[in-house]
Protein backbone atom coordinates (compact mmCIF):
# COMPACT_ATOMS: atom_id res chain seq x y z
CA MET A 1 -4.25 -13.15 -11.47
CA LYS A 2 -6.41 -10.17 -10.54
CA THR A 3 -4.98 -6.66 -10.71
CA LEU A 4 -5.81 -4.16 -7.98
CA LYS A 5 -5.23 -0.43 -8.03
CA VAL A 6 -4.32 0.61 -4.50
CA LYS A 7 -4.40 4.28 -3.50
CA LEU A 8 -2.41 4.95 -0.34
CA ILE A 9 -0.54 7.44 1.78
CA GLU A 10 3.18 6.71 1.89
CA THR A 11 5.71 8.51 4.06
CA VAL A 12 8.86 9.25 2.10
CA TRP A 13 12.10 10.18 3.87
CA ASP A 14 12.82 13.83 2.99
CA ASN A 15 16.30 14.15 4.60
CA TYR A 16 15.46 17.63 5.87
CA GLN A 17 16.43 19.09 9.25
CA GLY A 18 14.94 16.97 11.97
CA ALA A 19 14.91 13.98 9.58
CA SER A 20 11.14 13.99 9.18
CA GLY A 21 9.17 12.15 6.54
CA LYS A 22 6.88 13.67 3.96
CA PRO A 23 3.48 11.99 3.38
CA ILE A 24 2.46 11.63 -0.27
CA VAL A 25 -0.59 10.10 -1.93
CA ARG A 26 0.24 7.55 -4.62
CA SER A 27 -1.20 4.56 -6.40
CA VAL A 28 0.37 1.16 -7.04
CA LEU A 29 -0.79 -1.91 -8.94
CA VAL A 30 -0.91 -5.13 -6.93
CA HIS A 31 -1.52 -8.60 -8.39
CA ILE A 32 -3.34 -11.23 -6.33
CA PRO A 33 -4.44 -14.78 -7.15
CA GLU A 34 -7.73 -15.14 -9.01
CA ASP A 35 -9.30 -17.26 -6.26
CA THR A 36 -8.63 -14.78 -3.41
CA LYS A 37 -11.57 -14.32 -1.05
CA LEU A 38 -12.76 -10.75 -0.69
CA SER A 39 -12.19 -10.88 3.07
CA MET A 40 -8.46 -11.47 2.44
CA VAL A 41 -7.84 -8.65 -0.07
CA GLU A 42 -6.83 -5.98 2.47
CA THR A 43 -4.49 -8.38 4.28
CA LEU A 44 -2.79 -9.44 1.03
CA VAL A 45 -2.44 -5.83 -0.14
CA ILE A 46 -0.81 -4.75 3.14
CA ASP A 47 1.53 -7.76 3.00
CA LYS A 48 2.59 -6.90 -0.56
CA LEU A 49 3.13 -3.21 0.34
CA ASN A 50 5.38 -4.30 3.22
CA LYS A 51 7.37 -6.54 0.85
CA MET A 52 7.77 -3.53 -1.47
CA GLY A 53 9.21 -1.51 1.43
CA ILE A 54 6.35 1.01 1.48
CA ARG A 55 5.66 2.62 4.87
CA SER A 56 2.67 4.64 6.00
CA ASP A 57 4.76 6.40 8.67
CA TYR A 58 8.19 6.18 10.29
CA GLN A 59 6.96 5.29 13.79
CA ASN A 60 6.11 1.81 12.49
CA LYS A 61 8.38 -0.46 10.48
CA LEU A 62 5.42 -1.96 8.61
CA PHE A 63 2.67 -0.43 6.49
CA GLN A 64 -0.39 0.36 8.62
CA ALA A 65 -3.97 -0.17 7.40
CA GLN A 66 -4.91 3.47 8.11
CA GLY A 67 -2.60 4.42 5.21
CA LEU A 68 -4.94 2.74 2.70
CA LEU A 69 -7.27 5.15 0.92
CA SER A 70 -8.90 2.77 -1.57
CA ILE A 71 -8.56 -0.62 -3.27
CA GLU A 72 -10.09 -0.98 -6.72
CA ILE A 73 -10.35 -4.27 -8.62
CA LEU A 74 -9.49 -3.54 -12.24
CA PRO A 75 -11.44 -5.30 -15.00
CA SER A 76 -9.79 -8.20 -16.80
CA ALA A 77 -8.92 -7.73 -20.47
């Protein structure tokens, strides 16, 4: 398994008047199979973020690619 450090913008429900969300910048670690093609990395990352319940905004039910800031492949030990 390869470990990726994904920096993203997530919208977190703030339960304030008007029920708006608050965008925050955070990082998460995502594990992908060793034999993943580079062209599939973004798609796999977005899929895993959706499974984790992370949203880039509240207009869309799924994480949107524009919420990704960077994807870094971490070195193996």
